[in-house]
Amino acid sequence: MTSSSPVTRGNDFARNIDLSVSLASISNFPREVPMTSHPKPPFPKQQQSMPGTTSQMQPVPDHGENSYKGSGRLAGKRAVITGGDSGIGRAVAIAYAREGADVLIAYLNEDDDARETKRLVEAAGRKAVLVSGDLQEAAHCRAVVDKAVSGLGGIDILVNNAAHQATFKDIEAISDEEWELTFKVNIHAMFYLTKAAVPHMAPGSAIINTASINADAPNPTLLPYATTKGAIQNFTAGLAQLLAEKGIRANAVAPGPIWTPLIPSTMPADTVSKFGSNVPMKRPGQPAELATAYVMLADPLSSYVSGATIPVTGGRPFL
């Protein structure tokens, strides 16, 4: 926040509130309760081909387009977000931009979704760089980092969010190629990107990895995916210790069932219809509901938070 801001952080918080601004904010505060106002199953039965498209989903996910309000927490930062075209990645891109960060969005081939995310970032007055390509290739991961350095001027935040999953009822149905692909996209790419980015990250930088509730309670029909999410947990925990002396923090977010294009493009229609009904809130989370966790972990004020995992699971325990 700038010195001209009516609110300052610290012990003088109460004395420095501009009441006219505060009262205006209160009058505009949404009246609905987000915890209970989001869509609940059953949803229309639907399927898409991989990797899925946002506009074809029923209902269309909420990424915070009309709700997220920034306050300069990431002013001047430069962020790389993989899988930033849609779902959680889009929600994080919107939030980061509205908090004052420039963003590079890495994605596979979902050009329409990526262009919409770019539009939303630019509407917040921030720079957006798009890089398409397959992150299972180490050379492409290094190219993403190089593009961030040249296009944004550096890297302060790395969000490893891209993922691949598929559903299988029997282990015999999982091909060797599918097992290897899942590991390449979900964990190998995370290593390649992190290794390439760290030399460009100054003390105070942050790495945020998307894990999953499956790291703690694996879904047997998502065996390859769940296994990689357990690996991400360990990777993050070890990385936090390895990078502490460099002043770089590493943390993870563990989403529960979240309504993104990954769901109708990788699950049977019957499963999609009741998706999210197995958690205490009886619904899937919306991508917008995860954005604040990623902002908190990227915020320089979270300077003692490293090696942590933030569960966003709709009330389902994560131990």
C-alpha atoms as a PDB file:
ATOM      1  CA  MET A   1       0.000   0.000   0.000  1.00  0.00           C
ATOM      2  CA  THR A   2       1.205   3.517  -0.691  1.00  0.00           C
ATOM      3  CA  SER A   3       1.748   6.279   1.836  1.00  0.00           C
ATOM      4  CA  SER A   4      -1.340   8.055   0.565  1.00  0.00           C
ATOM      5  CA  SER A   5      -3.578   5.111   1.433  1.00  0.00           C
ATOM      6  CA  PRO A   6      -6.198   5.880   4.102  1.00  0.00           C
ATOM      7  CA  VAL A   7      -5.433   2.590   5.853  1.00  0.00           C
ATOM      8  CA  THR A   8      -2.029   1.580   7.191  1.00  0.00           C
ATOM      9  CA  ARG A   9      -0.902  -1.740   8.567  1.00  0.00           C
ATOM     10  CA  GLY A  10       0.443  -2.091  12.075  1.00  0.00           C
ATOM     11  CA  ASN A  11      -0.409  -0.871  15.573  1.00  0.00           C
ATOM     12  CA  ASP A  12      -1.858   2.421  14.289  1.00  0.00           C
ATOM     13  CA  PHE A  13      -4.458   0.626  12.176  1.00  0.00           C
ATOM     14  CA  ALA A  14      -7.511   1.887  14.082  1.00  0.00           C
ATOM     15  CA  ARG A  15      -6.315   5.502  14.234  1.00  0.00           C
ATOM     16  CA  ASN A  16      -5.628   5.678  10.495  1.00  0.00           C
ATOM     17  CA  ILE A  17      -8.934   4.486   9.084  1.00  0.00           C
ATOM     18  CA  ASP A  18     -10.617   6.966   6.761  1.00  0.00           C
ATOM     19  CA  LEU A  19     -14.206   6.549   7.938  1.00  0.00           C
ATOM     20  CA  SER A  20     -15.729   7.907   4.741  1.00  0.00           C
ATOM     21  CA  VAL A  21     -13.922   5.246   2.708  1.00  0.00           C
ATOM     22  CA  SER A  22     -14.760   2.537   5.234  1.00  0.00           C
ATOM     23  CA  LEU A  23     -18.455   3.407   5.324  1.00  0.00           C
ATOM     24  CA  ALA A  24     -18.597   3.503   1.536  1.00  0.00           C
ATOM     25  CA  SER A  25     -16.995   0.080   1.394  1.00  0.00           C
ATOM     26  CA  ILE A  26     -19.482  -1.288   3.913  1.00  0.00           C
ATOM     27  CA  SER A  27     -22.427   0.057   1.919  1.00  0.00           C
ATOM     28  CA  ASN A  28     -21.155  -1.753  -1.183  1.00  0.00           C
ATOM     29  CA  PHE A  29     -20.420  -5.035   0.579  1.00  0.00           C
ATOM     30  CA  PRO A  30     -22.282  -7.945  -1.040  1.00  0.00           C
ATOM     31  CA  ARG A  31     -25.361  -8.962   0.917  1.00  0.00           C
ATOM     32  CA  GLU A  32     -25.255 -12.639   0.013  1.00  0.00           C
ATOM     33  CA  VAL A  33     -23.207 -15.118   2.004  1.00  0.00           C
ATOM     34  CA  PRO A  34     -20.703 -16.670  -0.457  1.00  0.00           C
ATOM     35  CA  MET A  35     -20.401 -19.880   1.593  1.00  0.00           C
ATOM     36  CA  THR A  36     -24.012 -20.766   0.822  1.00  0.00           C
ATOM     37  CA  SER A  37     -24.713 -18.824  -2.385  1.00  0.00           C
ATOM     38  CA  HIS A  38     -22.631 -20.816  -4.880  1.00  0.00           C
ATOM     39  CA  PRO A  39     -24.166 -23.522  -7.113  1.00  0.00           C
ATOM     40  CA  LYS A  40     -24.782 -26.952  -5.630  1.00  0.00           C
ATOM     41  CA  PRO A  41     -25.277 -30.322  -7.335  1.00  0.00           C
ATOM     42  CA  PRO A  42     -26.963 -31.893  -9.091  1.00  0.00           C
ATOM     43  CA  PHE A  43     -25.516 -30.233 -12.188  1.00  0.00           C
ATOM     44  CA  PRO A  44     -26.431 -31.011 -15.795  1.00  0.00           C
ATOM     45  CA  LYS A  45     -24.683 -34.151 -16.993  1.00  0.00           C
ATOM     46  CA  GLN A  46     -21.824 -32.977 -19.182  1.00  0.00           C
ATOM     47  CA  GLN A  47     -18.535 -34.076 -20.652  1.00  0.00           C
ATOM     48  CA  GLN A  48     -15.858 -32.384 -22.716  1.00  0.00           C
ATOM     49  CA  SER A  49     -12.720 -33.501 -24.460  1.00  0.00           C
ATOM     50  CA  MET A  50      -9.443 -32.757 -22.684  1.00  0.00           C
ATOM     51  CA  PRO A  51      -8.353 -30.209 -21.561  1.00  0.00           C
ATOM     52  CA  GLY A  52     -11.817 -28.635 -21.438  1.00  0.00           C
ATOM     53  CA  THR A  53     -13.232 -25.163 -22.048  1.00  0.00           C
ATOM     54  CA  THR A  54     -14.686 -22.735 -19.517  1.00  0.00           C
ATOM     55  CA  SER A  55     -17.531 -21.420 -21.671  1.00  0.00           C
ATOM     56  CA  GLN A  56     -19.001 -24.892 -22.204  1.00  0.00           C
ATOM     57  CA  MET A  57     -19.417 -25.598 -18.494  1.00  0.00           C
ATOM     58  CA  GLN A  58     -22.874 -25.569 -16.894  1.00  0.00           C
ATOM     59  CA  PRO A  59     -22.787 -23.529 -14.719  1.00  0.00           C
ATOM     60  CA  VAL A  60     -19.825 -21.405 -15.807  1.00  0.00           C
ATOM     61  CA  PRO A  61     -17.256 -21.188 -12.967  1.00  0.00           C
ATOM     62  CA  ASP A  62     -16.794 -18.046 -10.896  1.00  0.00           C
ATOM     63  CA  HIS A  63     -13.197 -16.775 -11.016  1.00  0.00           C
ATOM     64  CA  GLY A  64     -13.844 -13.574  -9.094  1.00  0.00           C
ATOM     65  CA  GLU A  65     -14.439 -11.488 -12.210  1.00  0.00           C
ATOM     66  CA  ASN A  66     -17.115  -9.454 -10.426  1.00  0.00           C
ATOM     67  CA  SER A  67     -16.120  -9.941  -6.813  1.00  0.00           C
ATOM     68  CA  TYR A  68     -12.372  -9.782  -6.178  1.00  0.00           C
ATOM     69  CA  LYS A  69     -11.193  -6.377  -4.954  1.00  0.00           C
ATOM     70  CA  GLY A  70      -7.466  -5.746  -4.655  1.00  0.00           C
ATOM     71  CA  SER A  71      -5.618  -3.565  -2.160  1.00  0.00           C
ATOM     72  CA  GLY A  72      -2.070  -3.388  -3.530  1.00  0.00           C
ATOM     73  CA  ARG A  73      -0.706  -6.400  -1.654  1.00  0.00           C
ATOM     74  CA  LEU A  74       1.402  -7.477  -4.655  1.00  0.00           C
ATOM     75  CA  ALA A  75       2.174  -4.071  -6.128  1.00  0.00           C
ATOM     76  CA  GLY A  76       5.038  -4.245  -8.616  1.00  0.00           C
ATOM     77  CA  LYS A  77       5.411  -8.032  -8.381  1.00  0.00           C
ATOM     78  CA  ARG A  78       5.914 -10.297 -11.388  1.00  0.00           C
ATOM     79  CA  ALA A  79       4.187 -13.673 -11.364  1.00  0.00           C
ATOM     80  CA  VAL A  80       4.336 -16.826 -13.468  1.00  0.00           C
ATOM     81  CA  ILE A  81       1.149 -18.921 -13.302  1.00  0.00           C
ATOM     82  CA  THR A  82       1.008 -22.279 -15.049  1.00  0.00           C
ATOM     83  CA  GLY A  83      -2.427 -23.478 -16.042  1.00  0.00           C
ATOM     84  CA  GLY A  84      -3.391 -19.820 -15.833  1.00  0.00           C
ATOM     85  CA  ASP A  85      -5.888 -19.855 -18.673  1.00  0.00           C
ATOM     86  CA  SER A  86      -8.827 -21.218 -16.681  1.00  0.00           C
ATOM     87  CA  GLY A  87      -9.987 -22.596 -13.352  1.00  0.00           C
ATOM     88  CA  ILE A  88      -7.842 -21.916 -10.309  1.00  0.00           C
ATOM     89  CA  GLY A  89      -5.117 -20.399 -12.466  1.00  0.00           C
ATOM     90  CA  ARG A  90      -7.473 -17.794 -13.937  1.00  0.00           C
ATOM     91  CA  ALA A  91      -8.789 -16.875 -10.484  1.00  0.00           C
ATOM     92  CA  VAL A  92      -5.218 -16.424  -9.229  1.00  0.00           C
ATOM     93  CA  ALA A  93      -4.288 -14.335 -12.276  1.00  0.00           C
ATOM     94  CA  ILE A  94      -7.260 -12.019 -11.718  1.00  0.00           C
ATOM     95  CA  ALA A  95      -6.483 -11.637  -8.022  1.00  0.00           C
ATOM     96  CA  TYR A  96      -2.767 -11.041  -8.570  1.00  0.00           C
ATOM     97  CA  ALA A  97      -3.446  -8.422 -11.236  1.00  0.00           C
ATOM     98  CA  ARG A  98      -5.923  -6.607  -9.028  1.00  0.00           C
ATOM     99  CA  GLU A  99      -3.343  -6.700  -6.237  1.00  0.00           C
ATOM    100  CA  GLY A 100      -0.878  -4.958  -8.564  1.00  0.00           C
ATOM    101  CA  ALA A 101       1.163  -7.774 -10.164  1.00  0.00           C
ATOM    102  CA  ASP A 102       2.080  -8.366 -13.795  1.00  0.00           C
ATOM    103  CA  VAL A 103       1.391 -11.928 -14.901  1.00  0.00           C
ATOM    104  CA  LEU A 104       2.727 -14.524 -17.333  1.00  0.00           C
ATOM    105  CA  ILE A 105       0.115 -17.171 -18.105  1.00  0.00           C
ATOM    106  CA  ALA A 106       1.449 -20.539 -19.252  1.00  0.00           C
ATOM    107  CA  TYR A 107      -1.091 -22.922 -20.763  1.00  0.00           C
ATOM    108  CA  LEU A 108      -1.304 -25.935 -23.075  1.00  0.00           C
ATOM    109  CA  ASN A 109      -3.483 -24.982 -26.070  1.00  0.00           C
ATOM    110  CA  GLU A 110      -6.670 -23.410 -24.707  1.00  0.00           C
ATOM    111  CA  ASP A 111      -6.223 -20.177 -26.662  1.00  0.00           C
ATOM    112  CA  ASP A 112      -9.726 -18.765 -26.161  1.00  0.00           C
ATOM    113  CA  ASP A 113      -9.602 -19.223 -22.398  1.00  0.00           C
ATOM    114  CA  ALA A 114      -6.083 -17.789 -22.251  1.00  0.00           C
ATOM    115  CA  ARG A 115      -7.078 -14.692 -24.223  1.00  0.00           C
ATOM    116  CA  GLU A 116      -9.976 -14.074 -21.844  1.00  0.00           C
ATOM    117  CA  THR A 117      -7.672 -14.318 -18.828  1.00  0.00           C
ATOM    118  CA  LYS A 118      -5.273 -11.914 -20.539  1.00  0.00           C
ATOM    119  CA  ARG A 119      -8.146  -9.478 -21.089  1.00  0.00           C
ATOM    120  CA  LEU A 120      -9.102  -9.624 -17.411  1.00  0.00           C
ATOM    121  CA  VAL A 121      -5.516  -9.015 -16.281  1.00  0.00           C
ATOM    122  CA  GLU A 122      -5.133  -6.078 -18.638  1.00  0.00           C
ATOM    123  CA  ALA A 123      -8.484  -4.665 -17.513  1.00  0.00           C
ATOM    124  CA  ALA A 124      -6.910  -4.405 -14.059  1.00  0.00           C
ATOM    125  CA  GLY A 125      -4.178  -2.237 -15.560  1.00  0.00           C
ATOM    126  CA  ARG A 126      -1.445  -4.886 -15.445  1.00  0.00           C
ATOM    127  CA  LYS A 127       0.700  -6.566 -18.075  1.00  0.00           C
ATOM    128  CA  ALA A 128      -0.216 -10.072 -19.267  1.00  0.00           C
ATOM    129  CA  VAL A 129       2.055 -12.364 -21.280  1.00  0.00           C
ATOM    130  CA  LEU A 130       0.705 -15.587 -22.830  1.00  0.00           C
ATOM    131  CA  VAL A 131       2.904 -18.644 -23.441  1.00  0.00           C
ATOM    132  CA  SER A 132       1.349 -21.809 -24.885  1.00  0.00           C
ATOM    133  CA  GLY A 133       3.032 -25.195 -24.987  1.00  0.00           C
ATOM    134  CA  ASP A 134       3.480 -28.527 -23.261  1.00  0.00           C
ATOM    135  CA  LEU A 135       5.057 -28.327 -19.806  1.00  0.00           C
ATOM    136  CA  GLN A 136       5.986 -32.002 -19.798  1.00  0.00           C
ATOM    137  CA  GLU A 137       8.984 -30.925 -21.881  1.00  0.00           C
ATOM    138  CA  ALA A 138      11.875 -29.579 -19.778  1.00  0.00           C
ATOM    139  CA  ALA A 139      12.971 -27.254 -22.584  1.00  0.00           C
ATOM    140  CA  HIS A 140       9.535 -25.622 -22.676  1.00  0.00           C
ATOM    141  CA  CYS A 141       9.594 -25.087 -18.907  1.00  0.00           C
ATOM    142  CA  ARG A 142      12.886 -23.252 -19.269  1.00  0.00           C
ATOM    143  CA  ALA A 143      11.445 -21.244 -22.154  1.00  0.00           C
ATOM    144  CA  VAL A 144       8.524 -20.146 -19.947  1.00  0.00           C
ATOM    145  CA  VAL A 145      10.952 -18.813 -17.357  1.00  0.00           C
ATOM    146  CA  ASP A 146      13.047 -17.091 -20.021  1.00  0.00           C
ATOM    147  CA  LYS A 147       9.919 -15.436 -21.418  1.00  0.00           C
ATOM    148  CA  ALA A 148       8.969 -14.193 -17.940  1.00  0.00           C
ATOM    149  CA  VAL A 149      12.409 -12.681 -17.441  1.00  0.00           C
ATOM    150  CA  SER A 150      12.352 -10.944 -20.824  1.00  0.00           C
ATOM    151  CA  GLY A 151       8.651 -10.076 -20.883  1.00  0.00           C
ATOM    152  CA  LEU A 152       8.092  -9.083 -17.253  1.00  0.00           C
ATOM    153  CA  GLY A 153      11.619  -8.122 -16.265  1.00  0.00           C
ATOM    154  CA  GLY A 154      12.002 -10.870 -13.675  1.00  0.00           C
ATOM    155  CA  ILE A 155      10.130 -13.308 -11.445  1.00  0.00           C
ATOM    156  CA  ASP A 156       8.935 -12.682  -7.889  1.00  0.00           C
ATOM    157  CA  ILE A 157       6.193 -15.326  -7.684  1.00  0.00           C
ATOM    158  CA  LEU A 158       5.997 -18.775  -9.279  1.00  0.00           C
ATOM    159  CA  VAL A 159       2.645 -20.564  -9.123  1.00  0.00           C
ATOM    160  CA  ASN A 160       2.984 -24.190 -10.248  1.00  0.00           C
ATOM    161  CA  ASN A 161      -0.650 -24.955 -10.923  1.00  0.00           C
ATOM    162  CA  ALA A 162      -0.923 -26.864 -14.233  1.00  0.00           C
ATOM    163  CA  ALA A 163      -2.064 -30.461 -13.886  1.00  0.00           C
ATOM    164  CA  HIS A 164      -3.192 -33.524 -15.802  1.00  0.00           C
ATOM    165  CA  GLN A 165      -5.630 -36.122 -14.518  1.00  0.00           C
ATOM    166  CA  ALA A 166      -7.751 -38.958 -15.839  1.00  0.00           C
ATOM    167  CA  THR A 167     -10.209 -41.405 -14.277  1.00  0.00           C
ATOM    168  CA  PHE A 168      -9.654 -45.189 -14.146  1.00  0.00           C
ATOM    169  CA  LYS A 169     -11.683 -47.903 -12.420  1.00  0.00           C
ATOM    170  CA  ASP A 170      -8.937 -50.553 -12.618  1.00  0.00           C
ATOM    171  CA  ILE A 171      -5.162 -50.362 -12.366  1.00  0.00           C
ATOM    172  CA  GLU A 172      -4.943 -52.533 -15.489  1.00  0.00           C
ATOM    173  CA  ALA A 173      -6.573 -49.694 -17.437  1.00  0.00           C
ATOM    174  CA  ILE A 174      -3.747 -47.270 -16.630  1.00  0.00           C
ATOM    175  CA  SER A 175      -1.227 -47.418 -19.446  1.00  0.00           C
ATOM    176  CA  ASP A 176       2.476 -46.876 -18.889  1.00  0.00           C
ATOM    177  CA  GLU A 177       2.207 -43.801 -21.099  1.00  0.00           C
ATOM    178  CA  GLU A 178      -0.636 -42.335 -19.003  1.00  0.00           C
ATOM    179  CA  TRP A 179       1.317 -42.890 -15.762  1.00  0.00           C
ATOM    180  CA  GLU A 180       4.402 -41.199 -17.222  1.00  0.00           C
ATOM    181  CA  LEU A 181       2.395 -38.301 -18.686  1.00  0.00           C
ATOM    182  CA  THR A 182       0.769 -37.557 -15.334  1.00  0.00           C
ATOM    183  CA  PHE A 183       4.123 -37.455 -13.569  1.00  0.00           C
ATOM    184  CA  LYS A 184       5.724 -35.364 -16.310  1.00  0.00           C
ATOM    185  CA  VAL A 185       3.035 -32.685 -16.226  1.00  0.00           C
ATOM    186  CA  ASN A 186       2.281 -32.651 -12.499  1.00  0.00           C
ATOM    187  CA  ILE A 187       5.646 -33.098 -10.777  1.00  0.00           C
ATOM    188  CA  HIS A 188       8.505 -33.169 -13.306  1.00  0.00           C
ATOM    189  CA  ALA A 189       7.411 -29.816 -14.765  1.00  0.00           C
ATOM    190  CA  MET A 190       7.214 -28.366 -11.262  1.00  0.00           C
ATOM    191  CA  PHE A 191      10.850 -29.315 -10.712  1.00  0.00           C
ATOM    192  CA  TYR A 192      11.980 -27.969 -14.113  1.00  0.00           C
ATOM    193  CA  LEU A 193      10.157 -24.662 -13.634  1.00  0.00           C
ATOM    194  CA  THR A 194      11.368 -24.166 -10.091  1.00  0.00           C
ATOM    195  CA  LYS A 195      14.965 -25.029 -10.958  1.00  0.00           C
ATOM    196  CA  ALA A 196      14.921 -22.548 -13.844  1.00  0.00           C
ATOM    197  CA  ALA A 197      13.153 -19.781 -11.893  1.00  0.00           C
ATOM    198  CA  VAL A 198      15.123 -19.768  -8.624  1.00  0.00           C
ATOM    199  CA  PRO A 199      18.269 -18.092 -10.073  1.00  0.00           C
ATOM    200  CA  HIS A 200      16.045 -15.163 -11.105  1.00  0.00           C
ATOM    201  CA  MET A 201      14.233 -14.858  -7.749  1.00  0.00           C
ATOM    202  CA  ALA A 202      15.446 -12.386  -5.147  1.00  0.00           C
ATOM    203  CA  PRO A 203      15.034 -12.787  -1.380  1.00  0.00           C
ATOM    204  CA  GLY A 204      11.386 -12.247  -0.532  1.00  0.00           C
ATOM    205  CA  SER A 205      10.159 -14.201  -3.546  1.00  0.00           C
ATOM    206  CA  ALA A 206       7.569 -16.968  -3.246  1.00  0.00           C
ATOM    207  CA  ILE A 207       6.814 -20.318  -4.854  1.00  0.00           C
ATOM    208  CA  ILE A 208       3.285 -21.702  -4.527  1.00  0.00           C
ATOM    209  CA  ASN A 209       2.458 -25.237  -5.643  1.00  0.00           C
ATOM    210  CA  THR A 210      -1.045 -26.587  -6.179  1.00  0.00           C
ATOM    211  CA  ALA A 211      -1.376 -29.866  -4.292  1.00  0.00           C
ATOM    212  CA  SER A 212      -4.760 -31.475  -3.571  1.00  0.00           C
ATOM    213  CA  ILE A 213      -6.980 -33.096  -0.968  1.00  0.00           C
ATOM    214  CA  ASN A 214      -5.837 -36.237  -2.800  1.00  0.00           C
ATOM    215  CA  ALA A 215      -2.413 -35.855  -1.184  1.00  0.00           C
ATOM    216  CA  ASP A 216      -4.086 -36.678   2.142  1.00  0.00           C
ATOM    217  CA  ALA A 217      -7.097 -38.761   1.062  1.00  0.00           C
ATOM    218  CA  PRO A 218      -6.368 -40.252  -2.375  1.00  0.00           C
ATOM    219  CA  ASN A 219      -9.280 -40.993  -4.666  1.00  0.00           C
ATOM    220  CA  PRO A 220      -8.594 -44.510  -5.989  1.00  0.00           C
ATOM    221  CA  THR A 221     -10.089 -43.708  -9.398  1.00  0.00           C
ATOM    222  CA  LEU A 222      -7.533 -40.886  -9.768  1.00  0.00           C
ATOM    223  CA  LEU A 223      -4.541 -43.033  -8.807  1.00  0.00           C
ATOM    224  CA  PRO A 224      -1.850 -41.447 -11.048  1.00  0.00           C
ATOM    225  CA  TYR A 225      -3.039 -37.917 -10.250  1.00  0.00           C
ATOM    226  CA  ALA A 226      -3.358 -38.567  -6.512  1.00  0.00           C
ATOM    227  CA  THR A 227       0.114 -40.082  -6.392  1.00  0.00           C
ATOM    228  CA  THR A 228       1.652 -37.000  -7.976  1.00  0.00           C
ATOM    229  CA  LYS A 229      -0.172 -34.759  -5.522  1.00  0.00           C
ATOM    230  CA  GLY A 230       1.431 -36.646  -2.657  1.00  0.00           C
ATOM    231  CA  ALA A 231       4.775 -36.054  -4.346  1.00  0.00           C
ATOM    232  CA  ILE A 232       4.012 -32.344  -4.589  1.00  0.00           C
ATOM    233  CA  GLN A 233       3.459 -32.231  -0.832  1.00  0.00           C
ATOM    234  CA  ASN A 234       6.899 -33.693  -0.189  1.00  0.00           C
ATOM    235  CA  PHE A 235       8.523 -31.580  -2.897  1.00  0.00           C
ATOM    236  CA  THR A 236       7.122 -28.420  -1.331  1.00  0.00           C
ATOM    237  CA  ALA A 237       8.165 -29.377   2.192  1.00  0.00           C
ATOM    238  CA  GLY A 238      11.712 -30.149   1.129  1.00  0.00           C
ATOM    239  CA  LEU A 239      11.916 -27.121  -1.151  1.00  0.00           C
ATOM    240  CA  ALA A 240      10.958 -24.757   1.666  1.00  0.00           C
ATOM    241  CA  GLN A 241      13.904 -26.000   3.708  1.00  0.00           C
ATOM    242  CA  LEU A 242      16.286 -25.923   0.745  1.00  0.00           C
ATOM    243  CA  LEU A 243      15.444 -22.347  -0.243  1.00  0.00           C
ATOM    244  CA  ALA A 244      15.178 -20.748   3.198  1.00  0.00           C
ATOM    245  CA  GLU A 245      18.771 -19.514   3.118  1.00  0.00           C
ATOM    246  CA  LYS A 246      18.065 -17.816  -0.209  1.00  0.00           C
ATOM    247  CA  GLY A 247      15.124 -15.967   1.332  1.00  0.00           C
ATOM    248  CA  ILE A 248      12.615 -17.700  -0.940  1.00  0.00           C
ATOM    249  CA  ARG A 249       9.451 -19.155   0.560  1.00  0.00           C
ATOM    250  CA  ALA A 250       7.727 -22.306  -0.752  1.00  0.00           C
ATOM    251  CA  ASN A 251       4.188 -23.322   0.155  1.00  0.00           C
ATOM    252  CA  ALA A 252       1.279 -25.301  -1.230  1.00  0.00           C
ATOM    253  CA  VAL A 253      -2.476 -24.967  -1.550  1.00  0.00           C
ATOM    254  CA  ALA A 254      -4.508 -28.184  -1.319  1.00  0.00           C
ATOM    255  CA  PRO A 255      -7.864 -27.712  -3.075  1.00  0.00           C
ATOM    256  CA  GLY A 256     -10.792 -30.001  -2.516  1.00  0.00           C
ATOM    257  CA  PRO A 257     -13.363 -30.503  -5.288  1.00  0.00           C
ATOM    258  CA  ILE A 258     -13.205 -27.322  -7.404  1.00  0.00           C
ATOM    259  CA  TRP A 259     -15.471 -26.544 -10.371  1.00  0.00           C
ATOM    260  CA  THR A 260     -13.054 -26.182 -13.308  1.00  0.00           C
ATOM    261  CA  PRO A 261     -12.867 -27.500 -16.904  1.00  0.00           C
ATOM    262  CA  LEU A 262     -10.701 -30.353 -15.601  1.00  0.00           C
ATOM    263  CA  ILE A 263     -13.841 -31.930 -14.127  1.00  0.00           C
ATOM    264  CA  PRO A 264     -16.123 -32.439 -17.169  1.00  0.00           C
ATOM    265  CA  SER A 265     -13.098 -33.230 -19.347  1.00  0.00           C
ATOM    266  CA  THR A 266     -11.749 -36.037 -17.132  1.00  0.00           C
ATOM    267  CA  MET A 267     -14.721 -37.545 -15.266  1.00  0.00           C
ATOM    268  CA  PRO A 268     -17.859 -39.496 -16.241  1.00  0.00           C
ATOM    269  CA  ALA A 269     -21.023 -37.449 -16.694  1.00  0.00           C
ATOM    270  CA  ASP A 270     -22.704 -39.034 -13.663  1.00  0.00           C
ATOM    271  CA  THR A 271     -19.738 -38.083 -11.463  1.00  0.00           C
ATOM    272  CA  VAL A 272     -19.766 -34.534 -12.811  1.00  0.00           C
ATOM    273  CA  SER A 273     -23.473 -34.208 -12.040  1.00  0.00           C
ATOM    274  CA  LYS A 274     -22.928 -34.834  -8.309  1.00  0.00           C
ATOM    275  CA  PHE A 275     -19.434 -33.340  -8.091  1.00  0.00           C
ATOM    276  CA  GLY A 276     -18.676 -31.819  -4.698  1.00  0.00           C
ATOM    277  CA  SER A 277     -21.591 -33.406  -2.862  1.00  0.00           C
ATOM    278  CA  ASN A 278     -19.242 -35.533  -0.720  1.00  0.00           C
ATOM    279  CA  VAL A 279     -17.792 -32.658   1.330  1.00  0.00           C
ATOM    280  CA  PRO A 280     -19.491 -31.018   4.337  1.00  0.00           C
ATOM    281  CA  MET A 281     -20.547 -27.946   2.316  1.00  0.00           C
ATOM    282  CA  LYS A 282     -22.264 -30.287  -0.168  1.00  0.00           C
ATOM    283  CA  ARG A 283     -20.950 -28.433  -3.218  1.00  0.00           C
ATOM    284  CA  PRO A 284     -17.761 -27.886  -5.204  1.00  0.00           C
ATOM    285  CA  GLY A 285     -15.676 -24.820  -4.540  1.00  0.00           C
ATOM    286  CA  GLN A 286     -15.492 -22.078  -7.120  1.00  0.00           C
ATOM    287  CA  PRO A 287     -12.040 -21.013  -8.369  1.00  0.00           C
ATOM    288  CA  ALA A 288     -12.640 -17.553  -6.868  1.00  0.00           C
ATOM    289  CA  GLU A 289     -12.773 -19.115  -3.414  1.00  0.00           C
ATOM    290  CA  LEU A 290      -9.115 -20.160  -3.617  1.00  0.00           C
ATOM    291  CA  ALA A 291      -7.662 -16.856  -4.803  1.00  0.00           C
ATOM    292  CA  THR A 292      -7.206 -15.370  -1.329  1.00  0.00           C
ATOM    293  CA  ALA A 293      -5.066 -18.332  -0.245  1.00  0.00           C
ATOM    294  CA  TYR A 294      -2.686 -17.802  -3.165  1.00  0.00           C
ATOM    295  CA  VAL A 295      -2.574 -14.062  -2.484  1.00  0.00           C
ATOM    296  CA  MET A 296      -1.775 -14.598   1.184  1.00  0.00           C
ATOM    297  CA  LEU A 297       1.073 -16.973   0.376  1.00  0.00           C
ATOM    298  CA  ALA A 298       2.507 -14.543  -2.197  1.00  0.00           C
ATOM    299  CA  ASP A 299       2.155 -11.468   0.032  1.00  0.00           C
ATOM    300  CA  PRO A 300       5.567 -10.306   1.380  1.00  0.00           C
ATOM    301  CA  LEU A 301       3.905  -9.814   4.772  1.00  0.00           C
ATOM    302  CA  SER A 302       3.594 -13.630   5.002  1.00  0.00           C
ATOM    303  CA  SER A 303       7.359 -13.673   5.498  1.00  0.00           C
ATOM    304  CA  TYR A 304       7.383 -16.451   8.144  1.00  0.00           C
ATOM    305  CA  VAL A 305       5.064 -18.760   6.226  1.00  0.00           C
ATOM    306  CA  SER A 306       7.054 -21.428   4.399  1.00  0.00           C
ATOM    307  CA  GLY A 307       6.673 -25.184   4.156  1.00  0.00           C
ATOM    308  CA  ALA A 308       2.936 -24.841   4.791  1.00  0.00           C
ATOM    309  CA  THR A 309      -0.062 -26.332   3.024  1.00  0.00           C
ATOM    310  CA  ILE A 310      -3.341 -24.387   3.015  1.00  0.00           C
ATOM    311  CA  PRO A 311      -6.342 -26.715   2.595  1.00  0.00           C
ATOM    312  CA  VAL A 312      -9.329 -25.253   0.743  1.00  0.00           C
ATOM    313  CA  THR A 313     -11.629 -28.252   0.936  1.00  0.00           C
ATOM    314  CA  GLY A 314     -15.192 -27.220   1.745  1.00  0.00           C
ATOM    315  CA  GLY A 315     -14.879 -28.450   5.325  1.00  0.00           C
ATOM    316  CA  ARG A 316     -13.283 -31.812   4.606  1.00  0.00           C
ATOM    317  CA  PRO A 317     -10.433 -32.412   7.094  1.00  0.00           C
ATOM    318  CA  PHE A 318      -6.854 -32.337   5.827  1.00  0.00           C
ATOM    319  CA  LEU A 319      -4.449 -33.790   8.392  1.00  0.00           C
END
